[in-house]
């Protein structure tokens, strides 16, 4: 990580002058940008943690244009023995796919973490269990073969207030190294604010330079995949955190086309790791089925008939039979495309007349 920071840091990062314990057991890394409405709840949920060990909170504020930076400074001033605040500048921002990213902020926090273990919580997420850190530390210390441990979570859709519980007990098989890796290749159901990992394993197994050079739009999926491939992953079947879905977040964009593009980019990330570790053709088949099922849905929403036909043909070649809902999407898409074609022809005819 040191070489990564040296390469991408164009201007020094300012650290708020607090005196936090030099030997924390756990470092909680918070990356925040444009989170003025949420960062207070995030930090309060971390500060409420009841532990029998010291922990530090590293807040990376990425030069927001709203009030996020001022709020972070207020918290750093109020909790000088807990919060280490890093004030970033946009000159250090690393563009991914020609878009600004939180990559430097994320890696910088990991680099500066002094704890043996690292917990993560984005600035718009928050924890719901005041014993989260204690439970996870007890769990991960019980088995040296564990690289990380995660929990269930609540997915909160900000625009509607809808909350959906996600526990995924069927993936509770941490004793088999590689099992979680195979599941993650097929789809990411692991939420960042639920994770605690060994810092040494993050340093040993995750190459953030590789992730950045290949322009993977997210750093979390490659991180989980690398840790899950090399070591075991633990699971606590309890809800300890809330993942907030914002209308225009990277992975849940309110713009349908952007969301479809993000899913394609996530698919290519998984394909890379599938090839990197020479996984079986069966896993590759499951991954292709998954992405083509999603393509059918988004082709309908984005009016892309070519993608729709390719997805349907690919599923046929893979021996997959469309479900009733997918058949409905397909039929509705064909009707929709026909309607658009006729409408465009009529417009063209009217212009000629």
Protein backbone atom coordinates (compact mmCIF):
# COMPACT_ATOMS: atom_id res chain seq x y z
CA UNK A 1 0.00 0.00 0.00
CA UNK A 2 2.95 2.30 0.63
CA UNK A 3 3.96 2.20 -3.04
CA UNK A 4 0.33 2.84 -4.05
CA UNK A 5 0.16 5.99 -1.92
CA UNK A 6 3.54 7.17 -3.18
CA UNK A 7 2.44 6.78 -6.81
CA UNK A 8 -0.98 8.42 -6.59
CA UNK A 9 -0.53 11.11 -3.93
CA UNK A 10 -0.03 14.38 -5.78
CA UNK A 11 -0.45 16.66 -2.77
CA UNK A 12 -0.04 15.83 0.95
CA UNK A 13 -3.11 14.71 2.86
CA UNK A 14 -3.81 16.90 5.87
CA UNK A 15 -4.42 15.07 9.17
CA UNK A 16 -6.50 16.73 11.87
CA UNK A 17 -4.24 17.08 14.97
CA UNK A 18 -5.86 14.54 17.30
CA UNK A 19 -4.12 12.20 19.73
CA UNK A 20 -5.68 8.77 19.26
CA UNK A 21 -4.27 5.63 20.84
CA UNK A 22 -1.18 4.41 19.00
CA UNK A 23 -2.06 0.73 19.57
CA UNK A 24 -5.70 0.10 18.67
CA UNK A 25 -6.86 -3.46 18.18
CA UNK A 26 -9.39 -2.47 15.50
CA UNK A 27 -9.27 0.36 12.97
CA UNK A 28 -12.66 1.47 11.66
CA UNK A 29 -12.26 3.01 8.19
CA UNK A 30 -14.88 5.52 7.06
CA UNK A 31 -14.76 7.00 3.56
CA UNK A 32 -17.06 9.95 3.02
CA UNK A 33 -17.93 12.33 0.18
CA UNK A 34 -21.06 14.47 -0.17
CA UNK A 35 -22.61 12.75 2.87
CA UNK A 36 -23.67 15.79 4.89
CA UNK A 37 -27.09 14.25 5.56
CA UNK A 38 -25.69 10.90 6.69
CA UNK A 39 -22.17 11.12 8.11
CA UNK A 40 -23.39 12.10 11.59
CA UNK A 41 -25.50 8.96 11.92
CA UNK A 42 -22.60 6.89 10.59
CA UNK A 43 -20.10 8.22 13.14
CA UNK A 44 -22.58 8.06 16.03
CA UNK A 45 -23.21 4.38 15.28
CA UNK A 46 -19.48 3.67 15.48
CA UNK A 47 -18.88 5.78 18.58
CA UNK A 48 -21.65 3.87 20.40
CA UNK A 49 -19.73 0.59 20.15
CA UNK A 50 -19.20 -1.24 23.45
CA UNK A 51 -15.87 -3.04 23.46
CA UNK A 52 -13.27 -4.40 25.88
CA UNK A 53 -10.49 -3.28 23.50
CA UNK A 54 -9.32 0.08 22.12
CA UNK A 55 -10.32 1.06 18.59
CA UNK A 56 -9.70 4.04 16.34
CA UNK A 57 -11.93 5.65 13.73
CA UNK A 58 -10.23 6.81 10.54
CA UNK A 59 -12.37 9.27 8.58
CA UNK A 60 -11.28 10.07 5.04
CA UNK A 61 -13.12 13.21 3.86
CA UNK A 62 -12.74 13.55 0.10
CA UNK A 63 -13.12 17.33 -0.33
CA UNK A 64 -16.91 17.47 -0.44
CA UNK A 65 -18.66 20.59 -1.71
CA UNK A 66 -21.45 20.27 0.87
CA UNK A 67 -21.12 20.46 4.68
CA UNK A 68 -19.54 17.00 5.09
CA UNK A 69 -16.04 18.32 5.85
CA UNK A 70 -17.23 20.74 8.51
CA UNK A 71 -19.31 18.03 10.19
CA UNK A 72 -16.31 15.70 10.24
CA UNK A 73 -14.17 18.42 11.81
CA UNK A 74 -16.77 18.94 14.52
CA UNK A 75 -16.74 15.22 15.34
CA UNK A 76 -12.93 15.11 15.32
CA UNK A 77 -12.87 18.05 17.74
CA UNK A 78 -15.43 16.39 20.02
CA UNK A 79 -13.72 12.99 20.05
CA UNK A 80 -9.97 13.68 20.00
CA UNK A 81 -9.15 10.29 21.52
CA UNK A 82 -11.14 8.30 18.94
CA UNK A 83 -11.21 9.99 15.53
CA UNK A 84 -8.32 10.43 13.11
CA UNK A 85 -9.56 12.76 10.37
CA UNK A 86 -7.81 12.88 6.99
CA UNK A 87 -8.65 15.87 4.79
CA UNK A 88 -8.13 14.94 1.14
CA UNK A 89 -7.75 17.15 -1.92
CA UNK A 90 -9.26 16.43 -5.33
CA UNK A 91 -5.79 16.45 -6.93
CA UNK A 92 -5.29 12.96 -5.48
CA UNK A 93 -8.54 11.60 -6.82
CA UNK A 94 -8.07 8.61 -9.13
CA UNK A 95 -10.44 8.52 -12.12
CA UNK A 96 -11.89 5.10 -12.94
CA UNK A 97 -13.55 4.75 -16.35
CA UNK A 98 -13.19 8.53 -16.72
CA UNK A 99 -15.20 9.10 -13.55
CA UNK A 100 -13.97 10.36 -10.15
CA UNK A 101 -13.65 7.55 -7.61
CA UNK A 102 -13.08 7.01 -3.90
CA UNK A 103 -10.14 4.66 -4.56
CA UNK A 104 -7.36 6.82 -3.12
CA UNK A 105 -9.43 7.70 -0.05
CA UNK A 106 -10.19 4.01 0.55
CA UNK A 107 -6.61 2.77 0.20
CA UNK A 108 -5.21 5.70 2.19
CA UNK A 109 -7.40 4.77 5.17
CA UNK A 110 -6.24 1.15 4.98
CA UNK A 111 -2.62 2.30 4.74
CA UNK A 112 -2.95 4.51 7.81
CA UNK A 113 -4.85 1.94 9.90
CA UNK A 114 -2.85 0.88 12.98
CA UNK A 115 -5.10 -1.92 14.18
CA UNK A 116 -4.52 -5.63 13.64
CA UNK A 117 -8.09 -5.78 12.33
CA UNK A 118 -9.99 -3.41 10.03
CA UNK A 119 -13.74 -2.74 9.97
CA UNK A 120 -15.38 -0.75 7.19
CA UNK A 121 -18.32 1.64 7.02
CA UNK A 122 -18.98 4.07 4.18
CA UNK A 123 -20.11 7.54 5.23
CA UNK A 124 -23.70 7.01 4.11
CA UNK A 125 -24.07 3.64 5.90
CA UNK A 126 -24.32 2.98 9.63
CA UNK A 127 -24.24 0.23 12.25
CA UNK A 128 -27.32 -0.91 14.16
CA UNK A 129 -25.75 -3.17 16.81
CA UNK A 130 -23.64 -1.58 19.56
CA UNK A 131 -21.82 -4.91 20.04
CA UNK A 132 -20.92 -5.36 16.37
CA UNK A 133 -17.18 -4.86 16.78
CA UNK A 134 -16.98 -7.01 19.91
CA UNK A 135 -18.90 -9.91 18.32
CA UNK A 136 -16.81 -9.82 15.17
CA UNK A 137 -13.49 -9.59 16.97
CA UNK A 138 -14.38 -12.54 19.19
CA UNK A 139 -15.34 -14.53 16.10
CA UNK A 140 -12.34 -13.76 13.89
CA UNK A 141 -9.83 -14.30 16.71
CA UNK A 142 -11.28 -17.77 17.33
CA UNK A 143 -9.81 -19.08 14.06
CA UNK A 144 -6.51 -17.90 12.55
CA UNK A 145 -7.63 -19.31 9.21
CA UNK A 146 -10.29 -16.60 8.89
CA UNK A 147 -9.39 -13.62 6.72
CA UNK A 148 -12.62 -11.79 7.40
CA UNK A 149 -16.05 -12.07 8.98
CA UNK A 150 -19.28 -10.48 7.82
CA UNK A 151 -22.87 -10.26 9.08
CA UNK A 152 -26.42 -9.74 7.91
CA UNK A 153 -27.64 -6.22 7.16
CA UNK A 154 -30.63 -4.07 6.36
CA UNK A 155 -30.82 -2.48 2.92
CA UNK A 156 -32.41 0.94 3.23
CA UNK A 157 -33.71 2.62 0.07
CA UNK A 158 -33.37 6.29 0.88
CA UNK A 159 -35.96 7.64 -1.56
CA UNK A 160 -38.78 5.38 -0.33
CA UNK A 161 -37.70 4.51 3.21
CA UNK A 162 -38.15 0.81 2.37
CA UNK A 163 -36.05 -1.56 4.47
CA UNK A 164 -35.17 -5.11 3.45
CA UNK A 165 -33.38 -7.58 5.72
CA UNK A 166 -30.51 -9.55 4.20
CA UNK A 167 -29.05 -12.41 6.25
CA UNK A 168 -28.25 -15.11 3.66
CA UNK A 169 -27.98 -18.01 6.10
CA UNK A 170 -27.52 -20.40 3.18
CA UNK A 171 -23.96 -19.07 2.75
CA UNK A 172 -23.00 -19.85 6.35
CA UNK A 173 -20.19 -22.28 5.43
CA UNK A 174 -17.00 -20.60 6.54
CA UNK A 175 -15.25 -23.94 7.18
CA UNK A 176 -14.75 -24.52 3.44
CA UNK A 177 -12.03 -22.36 1.94
CA UNK A 178 -13.12 -21.20 -1.52
CA UNK A 179 -16.85 -21.78 -0.99
CA UNK A 180 -17.64 -18.10 -0.39
CA UNK A 181 -15.34 -17.21 -3.31
CA UNK A 182 -17.42 -19.35 -5.67
CA UNK A 183 -20.63 -17.74 -4.38
CA UNK A 184 -19.24 -14.19 -4.69
CA UNK A 185 -18.17 -14.84 -8.28
CA UNK A 186 -21.83 -15.34 -9.11
CA UNK A 187 -23.06 -12.20 -7.35
CA UNK A 188 -22.18 -9.79 -4.56
CA UNK A 189 -24.50 -10.16 -1.56
CA UNK A 190 -21.90 -9.05 0.99
CA UNK A 191 -22.32 -5.49 2.30
CA UNK A 192 -19.24 -3.39 3.06
CA UNK A 193 -20.42 -2.03 6.46
CA UNK A 194 -20.71 -5.60 7.79
CA UNK A 195 -17.07 -6.58 7.18
CA UNK A 196 -14.15 -6.98 9.57
CA UNK A 197 -10.85 -8.26 8.14
CA UNK A 198 -7.28 -8.90 9.21
CA UNK A 199 -5.11 -6.02 8.02
CA UNK A 200 -2.22 -8.40 7.32
CA UNK A 201 -4.40 -10.37 4.92
CA UNK A 202 -5.49 -7.20 3.13
CA UNK A 203 -1.82 -6.31 2.65
CA UNK A 204 -0.77 -9.81 1.62
CA UNK A 205 -3.56 -10.78 -0.76
CA UNK A 206 -5.15 -7.65 -2.23
CA UNK A 207 -3.26 -5.73 -4.91
CA UNK A 208 -4.94 -2.33 -5.13
CA UNK A 209 -2.52 -1.25 -7.84
CA UNK A 210 -3.76 -4.11 -10.03
CA UNK A 211 -7.38 -3.27 -9.21
CA UNK A 212 -6.78 0.36 -10.16
CA UNK A 213 -4.78 -0.26 -13.36
CA UNK A 214 -7.53 -2.58 -14.60
CA UNK A 215 -10.03 0.17 -13.75
CA UNK A 216 -12.37 -2.00 -11.75
CA UNK A 217 -15.10 0.48 -10.79
CA UNK A 218 -15.39 -0.89 -7.25
CA UNK A 219 -12.69 -2.00 -4.81
CA UNK A 220 -14.91 -4.01 -2.48
CA UNK A 221 -15.73 -6.96 -4.79
CA UNK A 222 -12.05 -7.61 -5.70
CA UNK A 223 -11.16 -7.35 -1.99
CA UNK A 224 -13.75 -9.94 -0.93
CA UNK A 225 -12.78 -12.23 -3.80
CA UNK A 226 -9.06 -12.19 -2.99
CA UNK A 227 -9.59 -12.79 0.72
CA UNK A 228 -12.18 -15.50 0.11
CA UNK A 229 -9.94 -17.28 -2.40
CA UNK A 230 -6.88 -17.42 -0.17
CA UNK A 231 -8.49 -17.99 3.24
CA UNK A 232 -11.73 -18.78 5.03
CA UNK A 233 -14.57 -16.33 5.57
CA UNK A 234 -16.73 -16.24 8.68
CA UNK A 235 -20.37 -15.28 8.99
CA UNK A 236 -22.46 -14.11 11.94
CA UNK A 237 -26.19 -14.60 11.16
CA UNK A 238 -27.26 -11.37 12.83
CA UNK A 239 -28.10 -7.94 11.45
CA UNK A 240 -25.52 -5.41 12.63
CA UNK A 241 -25.55 -2.70 9.96
CA UNK A 242 -27.61 -0.76 7.46
CA UNK A 243 -26.56 -0.23 3.86
CA UNK A 244 -28.15 2.89 2.45
CA UNK A 245 -29.12 2.84 -1.23
CA UNK A 246 -29.02 6.38 -2.62
CA UNK A 247 -30.70 7.34 -5.86
CA UNK A 248 -27.46 8.28 -7.59
CA UNK A 249 -24.89 6.09 -5.86
CA UNK A 250 -22.36 4.27 -8.06
CA UNK A 251 -23.92 0.84 -7.74
CA UNK A 252 -27.59 1.91 -7.48
CA UNK A 253 -27.84 4.78 -9.90
CA UNK A 254 -31.28 6.21 -10.43
CA UNK A 255 -30.35 6.49 -14.10
CA UNK A 256 -31.19 3.11 -15.60
CA UNK A 257 -28.44 3.23 -18.25
CA UNK A 258 -25.79 3.96 -15.62
CA UNK A 259 -27.04 1.09 -13.49
CA UNK A 260 -26.89 -1.27 -16.47
CA UNK A 261 -23.32 -0.14 -17.23
CA UNK A 262 -22.30 -0.68 -13.62
CA UNK A 263 -23.64 -4.25 -13.71
CA UNK A 264 -21.63 -4.92 -16.88
CA UNK A 265 -18.48 -3.57 -15.24
CA UNK A 266 -19.03 -5.70 -12.14
CA UNK A 267 -19.49 -8.70 -14.42
CA UNK A 268 -16.16 -8.07 -16.13
CA UNK A 269 -14.50 -7.82 -12.71
CA UNK A 270 -15.82 -11.25 -11.76
CA UNK A 271 -14.81 -12.68 -15.14
CA UNK A 272 -11.27 -11.47 -14.56
CA UNK A 273 -10.99 -13.26 -11.22
CA UNK A 274 -12.65 -16.36 -12.64
CA UNK A 275 -9.93 -16.53 -15.30
CA UNK A 276 -7.15 -15.47 -12.91
CA UNK A 277 -7.80 -18.47 -10.69
CA UNK A 278 -8.85 -20.87 -13.49
CA UNK A 279 -12.24 -21.73 -12.07
CA UNK A 280 -14.36 -24.53 -13.51
CA UNK A 281 -16.48 -24.14 -16.63
CA UNK A 282 -19.53 -24.78 -14.46
CA UNK A 283 -18.86 -21.62 -12.41
CA UNK A 284 -18.29 -19.70 -15.65
CA UNK A 285 -21.62 -20.98 -16.95
CA UNK A 286 -23.44 -19.84 -13.81
CA UNK A 287 -21.85 -16.40 -14.09
CA UNK A 288 -22.89 -16.05 -17.74
CA UNK A 289 -26.45 -17.13 -16.94
CA UNK A 290 -26.63 -14.54 -14.19
CA UNK A 291 -25.46 -11.60 -16.31
CA UNK A 292 -27.66 -12.49 -19.29
CA UNK A 293 -30.74 -12.70 -17.10
CA UNK A 294 -29.96 -9.17 -15.91
CA UNK A 295 -29.37 -8.03 -19.50
CA UNK A 296 -32.89 -9.07 -20.47
CA UNK A 297 -34.36 -6.87 -17.76
CA UNK A 298 -32.18 -3.85 -18.49
CA UNK A 299 -32.57 -4.19 -22.27
CA UNK A 300 -36.27 -3.65 -21.70
CA UNK A 301 -35.66 -0.58 -19.55
CA UNK A 302 -33.02 0.94 -21.87
CA UNK A 303 -34.67 0.10 -25.21
CA UNK A 304 -31.70 -1.92 -26.50
CA UNK A 305 -33.11 -4.66 -28.75
CA UNK A 306 -29.71 -5.94 -29.87
CA UNK A 307 -28.65 -6.64 -26.27
CA UNK A 308 -31.99 -8.33 -25.64
CA UNK A 309 -31.58 -10.77 -28.54
CA UNK A 310 -27.96 -11.54 -27.67
CA UNK A 311 -28.91 -12.23 -24.06
CA UNK A 312 -31.75 -14.54 -25.07
CA UNK A 313 -29.56 -16.42 -27.56
CA UNK A 314 -26.76 -16.76 -25.02
CA UNK A 315 -29.15 -18.25 -22.47
CA UNK A 316 -30.43 -20.69 -25.07
CA UNK A 317 -26.86 -21.75 -25.88
CA UNK A 318 -26.21 -22.25 -22.16
CA UNK A 319 -29.24 -24.52 -21.91
CA UNK A 320 -31.12 -22.11 -19.65
CA UNK A 321 -34.91 -21.87 -19.95
CA UNK A 322 -36.36 -18.42 -19.38
CA UNK A 323 -38.59 -18.08 -16.35
CA UNK A 324 -42.14 -16.80 -16.73
CA UNK A 325 -41.12 -13.31 -15.59
CA UNK A 326 -38.17 -13.26 -18.00
CA UNK A 327 -40.43 -14.36 -20.86
CA UNK A 328 -42.77 -11.50 -19.97
CA UNK A 329 -39.85 -9.04 -20.04
CA UNK A 330 -38.79 -10.42 -23.42
CA UNK A 331 -42.27 -10.25 -24.95
CA UNK A 332 -42.90 -6.79 -23.54
CA UNK A 333 -39.56 -5.66 -24.94
CA UNK A 334 -40.38 -6.91 -28.43
CA UNK A 335 -43.74 -5.06 -28.34
CA UNK A 336 -42.04 -1.94 -26.99
CA UNK A 337 -39.32 -2.02 -29.66
CA UNK A 338 -41.91 -2.55 -32.40
CA UNK A 339 -43.91 0.40 -31.10
CA UNK A 340 -40.80 2.62 -31.09
CA UNK A 341 -39.85 1.50 -34.58
CA UNK A 342 -43.33 2.24 -35.97
CA UNK A 343 -43.41 5.61 -34.22
CA UNK A 344 -40.02 6.57 -35.65
CA UNK A 345 -41.09 5.51 -39.14
CA UNK A 346 -44.22 7.61 -38.88
CA UNK A 347 -42.14 10.60 -37.82
CA UNK A 348 -39.83 10.02 -40.77
CA UNK A 349 -42.83 9.70 -43.13
CA UNK A 350 -44.35 12.92 -41.85
CA UNK A 351 -41.11 14.79 -42.42
CA UNK A 352 -40.91 13.57 -46.02
CA UNK A 353 -44.50 14.49 -46.68
